[in-house]
Amino acid sequence: MGVLGIGGLFFRAADPDALSEWYRRHLGIGAGLSAEGAGEPESWTWTAHGGPVAFAPFKATTDYFPADKQWMLNLRVAGLDALLGSLRAAGIAIVTDPSWDSPEAGRFARIHDPEGNAIELWEPPGA
């Protein structure tokens, strides 16, 4: 198969510049950024570490993410507790549920960006 991975995520925003800055400031992602040790990015890309990517259509009636949204961003992270600490310090609401976590799948937390888009933070086992 010719597909190597996800090449990008494109979505509409009321204020793209402000939203881009929010993602850059709080999650360290966006154009011209690179995950630690992932090499130098192009000015218009974000360089990430290789690893698993989930691709899963959900039923239209799912309650896994808000009903008024067509998608939810899932970000694979390392150091979830430290990231949650910095998000809390910035006043960003965080939702956790111990039933989401398992030794096989890892740990999860949810936040929302300023435009109400759901973001699931996923720390895989051993990350």
N, C-alpha and C. Protein backbone atom coordinates (compact mmCIF):
# COMPACT_ATOMS: atom_id res chain seq x y z
N MET A 1 0.84 -1.18 0.00
CA MET A 1 0.00 0.00 0.00
C MET A 1 0.89 1.24 0.00
N GLY A 2 0.50 2.28 -0.72
CA GLY A 2 1.33 3.46 -0.86
C GLY A 2 1.23 4.48 0.25
N VAL A 3 0.26 4.37 1.16
CA VAL A 3 0.10 5.36 2.22
C VAL A 3 1.15 5.15 3.31
N LEU A 4 1.84 6.23 3.67
CA LEU A 4 2.89 6.16 4.69
C LEU A 4 2.43 6.69 6.04
N GLY A 5 1.37 7.45 6.07
CA GLY A 5 0.89 8.03 7.31
C GLY A 5 0.02 9.23 7.02
N ILE A 6 -0.41 9.88 8.04
CA ILE A 6 -1.22 11.08 7.88
C ILE A 6 -0.31 12.23 7.50
N GLY A 7 -0.66 12.93 6.45
CA GLY A 7 0.16 14.03 5.96
C GLY A 7 -0.25 15.38 6.49
N GLY A 8 -1.44 15.49 7.05
CA GLY A 8 -1.87 16.76 7.58
C GLY A 8 -3.28 16.67 8.13
N LEU A 9 -3.65 17.66 8.89
CA LEU A 9 -5.00 17.81 9.40
C LEU A 9 -5.41 19.24 9.10
N PHE A 10 -6.48 19.40 8.34
CA PHE A 10 -6.92 20.71 7.92
C PHE A 10 -8.35 20.92 8.40
N PHE A 11 -8.61 22.05 9.04
CA PHE A 11 -9.95 22.32 9.53
C PHE A 11 -10.20 23.82 9.54
N ARG A 12 -11.45 24.17 9.53
CA ARG A 12 -11.86 25.57 9.51
C ARG A 12 -11.74 26.17 10.91
N ALA A 13 -11.45 27.45 10.97
CA ALA A 13 -11.38 28.16 12.25
C ALA A 13 -11.87 29.59 12.05
N ALA A 14 -12.55 30.11 13.04
CA ALA A 14 -13.01 31.50 12.98
C ALA A 14 -11.82 32.46 12.96
N ASP A 15 -10.76 32.14 13.70
CA ASP A 15 -9.57 32.97 13.75
C ASP A 15 -8.34 32.04 13.65
N PRO A 16 -7.95 31.65 12.42
CA PRO A 16 -6.85 30.70 12.25
C PRO A 16 -5.55 31.12 12.91
N ASP A 17 -5.21 32.41 12.85
CA ASP A 17 -3.94 32.86 13.44
C ASP A 17 -3.95 32.69 14.96
N ALA A 18 -5.04 33.11 15.60
CA ALA A 18 -5.13 32.97 17.06
C ALA A 18 -5.15 31.50 17.47
N LEU A 19 -5.87 30.67 16.73
CA LEU A 19 -5.94 29.25 17.07
C LEU A 19 -4.58 28.58 16.87
N SER A 20 -3.89 28.94 15.79
CA SER A 20 -2.54 28.40 15.56
C SER A 20 -1.61 28.76 16.73
N GLU A 21 -1.70 29.99 17.19
CA GLU A 21 -0.87 30.43 18.31
C GLU A 21 -1.21 29.66 19.59
N TRP A 22 -2.50 29.40 19.83
CA TRP A 22 -2.92 28.63 21.01
C TRP A 22 -2.31 27.23 20.97
N TYR A 23 -2.37 26.54 19.83
CA TYR A 23 -1.78 25.20 19.70
C TYR A 23 -0.26 25.26 19.88
N ARG A 24 0.37 26.28 19.34
CA ARG A 24 1.82 26.44 19.46
C ARG A 24 2.21 26.66 20.92
N ARG A 25 1.50 27.57 21.61
CA ARG A 25 1.84 27.93 22.99
C ARG A 25 1.56 26.80 23.98
N HIS A 26 0.41 26.15 23.88
CA HIS A 26 0.01 25.19 24.90
C HIS A 26 0.37 23.74 24.60
N LEU A 27 0.50 23.39 23.32
CA LEU A 27 0.79 22.00 22.97
C LEU A 27 2.08 21.83 22.19
N GLY A 28 2.70 22.93 21.80
CA GLY A 28 3.99 22.86 21.10
C GLY A 28 3.89 22.27 19.70
N ILE A 29 2.73 22.44 19.05
CA ILE A 29 2.57 21.90 17.70
C ILE A 29 2.15 23.00 16.74
N GLY A 30 2.49 22.78 15.49
CA GLY A 30 2.11 23.71 14.44
C GLY A 30 3.25 23.89 13.45
N ALA A 31 3.00 24.68 12.44
CA ALA A 31 3.99 24.91 11.39
C ALA A 31 5.32 25.40 11.97
N GLY A 32 6.40 24.82 11.48
CA GLY A 32 7.73 25.24 11.89
C GLY A 32 8.19 24.68 13.23
N LEU A 33 7.44 23.74 13.81
CA LEU A 33 7.81 23.16 15.11
C LEU A 33 8.19 21.70 14.94
N SER A 34 8.89 21.18 15.92
CA SER A 34 9.36 19.81 15.85
C SER A 34 9.32 19.19 17.24
N ALA A 35 8.84 17.94 17.33
CA ALA A 35 8.91 17.21 18.59
C ALA A 35 10.37 17.03 18.97
N GLU A 36 10.65 17.04 20.26
CA GLU A 36 12.03 16.92 20.73
C GLU A 36 12.70 15.70 20.11
N GLY A 37 13.84 15.92 19.48
CA GLY A 37 14.60 14.83 18.87
C GLY A 37 14.07 14.37 17.52
N ALA A 38 13.08 15.06 16.96
CA ALA A 38 12.49 14.62 15.69
C ALA A 38 13.12 15.28 14.47
N GLY A 39 14.13 16.10 14.66
CA GLY A 39 14.77 16.75 13.52
C GLY A 39 14.19 18.11 13.23
N GLU A 40 14.71 18.73 12.19
CA GLU A 40 14.28 20.08 11.82
C GLU A 40 13.07 20.03 10.90
N PRO A 41 12.03 20.79 11.23
CA PRO A 41 10.85 20.81 10.37
C PRO A 41 11.01 21.81 9.23
N GLU A 42 10.20 21.66 8.21
CA GLU A 42 10.06 22.69 7.18
C GLU A 42 9.29 23.84 7.82
N SER A 43 9.34 25.01 7.24
CA SER A 43 8.65 26.16 7.84
C SER A 43 7.14 25.98 7.88
N TRP A 44 6.58 25.12 7.06
CA TRP A 44 5.13 24.96 6.98
C TRP A 44 4.65 23.62 7.54
N THR A 45 5.54 22.83 8.15
CA THR A 45 5.13 21.55 8.70
C THR A 45 5.50 21.45 10.18
N TRP A 46 5.02 20.42 10.79
CA TRP A 46 5.37 20.06 12.15
C TRP A 46 5.98 18.66 12.07
N THR A 47 7.16 18.47 12.60
CA THR A 47 7.83 17.18 12.55
C THR A 47 7.55 16.43 13.84
N ALA A 48 6.97 15.25 13.70
CA ALA A 48 6.57 14.44 14.84
C ALA A 48 7.40 13.16 14.90
N HIS A 49 7.37 12.51 16.05
CA HIS A 49 7.98 11.19 16.19
C HIS A 49 7.08 10.16 15.51
N GLY A 50 7.68 9.14 14.93
CA GLY A 50 6.91 8.04 14.36
C GLY A 50 6.25 7.24 15.47
N GLY A 51 5.17 6.61 15.15
CA GLY A 51 4.47 5.80 16.12
C GLY A 51 3.06 5.50 15.65
N PRO A 52 2.28 4.89 16.50
CA PRO A 52 0.93 4.50 16.08
C PRO A 52 0.02 5.69 15.81
N VAL A 53 -0.84 5.54 14.82
CA VAL A 53 -1.85 6.53 14.49
C VAL A 53 -3.18 5.78 14.38
N ALA A 54 -4.17 6.22 15.13
CA ALA A 54 -5.49 5.60 15.05
C ALA A 54 -6.28 6.28 13.94
N PHE A 55 -6.97 5.49 13.15
CA PHE A 55 -7.85 6.00 12.10
C PHE A 55 -9.16 5.25 12.25
N ALA A 56 -10.18 5.91 12.79
CA ALA A 56 -11.40 5.18 13.13
C ALA A 56 -12.65 6.04 12.97
N PRO A 57 -13.42 5.79 11.92
CA PRO A 57 -14.73 6.44 11.86
C PRO A 57 -15.60 5.95 13.01
N PHE A 58 -16.38 6.84 13.58
CA PHE A 58 -17.28 6.51 14.68
C PHE A 58 -18.72 6.63 14.18
N LYS A 59 -19.63 5.95 14.83
CA LYS A 59 -21.05 6.09 14.49
C LYS A 59 -21.46 7.55 14.67
N ALA A 60 -22.40 7.99 13.87
CA ALA A 60 -22.89 9.37 13.95
C ALA A 60 -23.48 9.67 15.32
N THR A 61 -23.91 8.67 16.04
CA THR A 61 -24.55 8.85 17.35
C THR A 61 -23.58 8.71 18.52
N THR A 62 -22.29 8.63 18.26
CA THR A 62 -21.31 8.44 19.33
C THR A 62 -21.37 9.56 20.37
N ASP A 63 -21.09 9.21 21.60
CA ASP A 63 -20.94 10.24 22.63
C ASP A 63 -19.48 10.34 23.07
N TYR A 64 -18.58 9.75 22.27
CA TYR A 64 -17.15 9.76 22.57
C TYR A 64 -16.56 11.17 22.46
N PHE A 65 -17.15 12.01 21.60
CA PHE A 65 -16.78 13.42 21.51
C PHE A 65 -18.03 14.21 21.19
N PRO A 66 -18.00 15.55 21.31
CA PRO A 66 -19.22 16.37 21.22
C PRO A 66 -20.03 16.13 19.95
N ALA A 67 -21.33 16.04 20.12
CA ALA A 67 -22.25 15.75 19.01
C ALA A 67 -22.24 16.83 17.94
N ASP A 68 -21.88 18.07 18.29
CA ASP A 68 -21.88 19.15 17.30
C ASP A 68 -20.58 19.24 16.51
N LYS A 69 -19.67 18.30 16.74
CA LYS A 69 -18.38 18.29 16.03
C LYS A 69 -18.28 17.03 15.17
N GLN A 70 -17.68 17.17 14.02
CA GLN A 70 -17.51 16.04 13.11
C GLN A 70 -16.23 15.25 13.38
N TRP A 71 -15.33 15.80 14.17
CA TRP A 71 -14.05 15.14 14.38
C TRP A 71 -13.52 15.46 15.78
N MET A 72 -12.54 14.69 16.21
CA MET A 72 -11.81 14.96 17.45
C MET A 72 -10.33 14.69 17.16
N LEU A 73 -9.48 15.58 17.56
CA LEU A 73 -8.05 15.43 17.40
C LEU A 73 -7.51 14.60 18.56
N ASN A 74 -6.72 13.58 18.24
CA ASN A 74 -6.05 12.77 19.25
C ASN A 74 -4.56 13.01 19.08
N LEU A 75 -3.90 13.48 20.14
CA LEU A 75 -2.46 13.73 20.09
C LEU A 75 -1.74 12.73 20.98
N ARG A 76 -0.77 12.04 20.40
CA ARG A 76 0.06 11.09 21.15
C ARG A 76 1.11 11.90 21.89
N VAL A 77 1.21 11.70 23.23
CA VAL A 77 2.10 12.50 24.05
C VAL A 77 2.98 11.61 24.92
N ALA A 78 4.06 12.18 25.41
CA ALA A 78 4.89 11.58 26.46
C ALA A 78 4.87 12.59 27.61
N GLY A 79 4.89 12.11 28.84
CA GLY A 79 4.87 13.01 29.98
C GLY A 79 3.52 13.67 30.17
N LEU A 80 2.47 12.88 30.15
CA LEU A 80 1.11 13.41 30.25
C LEU A 80 0.91 14.24 31.52
N ASP A 81 1.42 13.77 32.65
CA ASP A 81 1.21 14.51 33.90
C ASP A 81 1.83 15.91 33.84
N ALA A 82 3.02 16.02 33.29
CA ALA A 82 3.66 17.34 33.17
C ALA A 82 2.88 18.24 32.22
N LEU A 83 2.42 17.68 31.11
CA LEU A 83 1.63 18.47 30.16
C LEU A 83 0.33 18.95 30.81
N LEU A 84 -0.34 18.07 31.54
CA LEU A 84 -1.58 18.46 32.22
C LEU A 84 -1.31 19.56 33.25
N GLY A 85 -0.18 19.48 33.93
CA GLY A 85 0.19 20.53 34.89
C GLY A 85 0.34 21.88 34.22
N SER A 86 0.98 21.92 33.06
CA SER A 86 1.16 23.20 32.37
C SER A 86 -0.17 23.71 31.81
N LEU A 87 -1.02 22.81 31.36
CA LEU A 87 -2.34 23.22 30.86
C LEU A 87 -3.20 23.77 32.00
N ARG A 88 -3.17 23.10 33.15
CA ARG A 88 -3.92 23.60 34.32
C ARG A 88 -3.43 24.99 34.72
N ALA A 89 -2.10 25.16 34.73
CA ALA A 89 -1.52 26.45 35.11
C ALA A 89 -1.96 27.55 34.16
N ALA A 90 -2.25 27.19 32.91
CA ALA A 90 -2.71 28.17 31.92
C ALA A 90 -4.22 28.36 31.97
N GLY A 91 -4.88 27.67 32.90
CA GLY A 91 -6.33 27.83 33.06
C GLY A 91 -7.16 27.02 32.07
N ILE A 92 -6.56 26.02 31.45
CA ILE A 92 -7.28 25.19 30.48
C ILE A 92 -7.96 24.04 31.22
N ALA A 93 -9.26 23.89 31.01
CA ALA A 93 -10.03 22.83 31.66
C ALA A 93 -9.61 21.47 31.12
N ILE A 94 -9.47 20.52 32.02
CA ILE A 94 -9.04 19.16 31.68
C ILE A 94 -10.07 18.18 32.21
N VAL A 95 -10.39 17.19 31.40
CA VAL A 95 -11.28 16.12 31.82
C VAL A 95 -10.50 14.81 31.79
N THR A 96 -10.54 14.07 32.89
CA THR A 96 -9.95 12.73 32.93
C THR A 96 -11.00 11.79 33.48
N ASP A 97 -10.84 10.51 33.18
CA ASP A 97 -11.74 9.48 33.66
C ASP A 97 -10.93 8.21 33.77
N PRO A 98 -10.75 7.67 34.98
CA PRO A 98 -9.94 6.46 35.12
C PRO A 98 -10.41 5.29 34.25
N SER A 99 -11.69 5.27 33.88
CA SER A 99 -12.18 4.17 33.04
C SER A 99 -11.65 4.25 31.61
N TRP A 100 -11.11 5.40 31.20
CA TRP A 100 -10.53 5.53 29.87
C TRP A 100 -9.16 4.86 29.80
N ASP A 101 -8.48 4.73 30.94
CA ASP A 101 -7.10 4.27 30.98
C ASP A 101 -7.02 2.75 31.15
N SER A 102 -5.99 2.17 30.54
CA SER A 102 -5.72 0.74 30.74
C SER A 102 -4.25 0.48 30.47
N PRO A 103 -3.70 -0.57 31.07
CA PRO A 103 -2.30 -0.88 30.81
C PRO A 103 -2.03 -1.19 29.34
N GLU A 104 -3.01 -1.73 28.63
CA GLU A 104 -2.82 -2.08 27.21
C GLU A 104 -2.88 -0.86 26.30
N ALA A 105 -3.79 0.08 26.59
CA ALA A 105 -3.99 1.23 25.71
C ALA A 105 -3.23 2.46 26.15
N GLY A 106 -3.03 2.64 27.45
CA GLY A 106 -2.35 3.82 27.95
C GLY A 106 -3.28 4.71 28.74
N ARG A 107 -2.92 6.00 28.81
CA ARG A 107 -3.67 6.99 29.59
C ARG A 107 -4.20 8.08 28.69
N PHE A 108 -5.34 8.66 29.09
CA PHE A 108 -6.03 9.65 28.27
C PHE A 108 -6.48 10.84 29.10
N ALA A 109 -6.56 11.99 28.46
CA ALA A 109 -7.16 13.19 29.04
C ALA A 109 -7.77 13.96 27.89
N ARG A 110 -8.73 14.83 28.22
CA ARG A 110 -9.39 15.63 27.19
C ARG A 110 -9.32 17.11 27.53
N ILE A 111 -9.11 17.90 26.50
CA ILE A 111 -9.18 19.36 26.61
C ILE A 111 -9.95 19.86 25.38
N HIS A 112 -10.22 21.15 25.34
CA HIS A 112 -10.85 21.77 24.18
C HIS A 112 -10.06 23.02 23.82
N ASP A 113 -9.91 23.26 22.53
CA ASP A 113 -9.24 24.50 22.12
C ASP A 113 -10.23 25.67 22.26
N PRO A 114 -9.77 26.90 22.05
CA PRO A 114 -10.64 28.06 22.25
C PRO A 114 -11.88 28.08 21.36
N GLU A 115 -11.88 27.30 20.28
CA GLU A 115 -13.06 27.25 19.40
C GLU A 115 -13.94 26.05 19.70
N GLY A 116 -13.66 25.34 20.81
CA GLY A 116 -14.50 24.24 21.25
C GLY A 116 -14.19 22.90 20.63
N ASN A 117 -13.10 22.78 19.88
CA ASN A 117 -12.72 21.50 19.29
C ASN A 117 -12.13 20.58 20.36
N ALA A 118 -12.61 19.34 20.39
CA ALA A 118 -12.14 18.37 21.37
C ALA A 118 -10.75 17.88 20.99
N ILE A 119 -9.88 17.78 22.01
CA ILE A 119 -8.52 17.26 21.83
C ILE A 119 -8.33 16.17 22.87
N GLU A 120 -8.05 14.96 22.40
CA GLU A 120 -7.75 13.87 23.31
C GLU A 120 -6.23 13.73 23.38
N LEU A 121 -5.70 13.75 24.57
CA LEU A 121 -4.27 13.56 24.79
C LEU A 121 -4.06 12.12 25.20
N TRP A 122 -3.23 11.41 24.46
CA TRP A 122 -3.04 9.98 24.65
C TRP A 122 -1.57 9.68 24.94
N GLU A 123 -1.32 9.11 26.10
CA GLU A 123 0.02 8.65 26.45
C GLU A 123 0.03 7.12 26.32
N PRO A 124 0.57 6.59 25.21
CA PRO A 124 0.61 5.13 25.05
C PRO A 124 1.49 4.49 26.13
N PRO A 125 1.30 3.20 26.37
CA PRO A 125 2.16 2.52 27.35
C PRO A 125 3.63 2.69 26.97
N GLY A 126 4.46 2.99 27.94
CA GLY A 126 5.90 3.12 27.71
C GLY A 126 6.33 4.41 27.04
N ALA A 127 5.43 5.35 26.85
CA ALA A 127 5.80 6.62 26.20
C ALA A 127 6.59 7.50 27.15
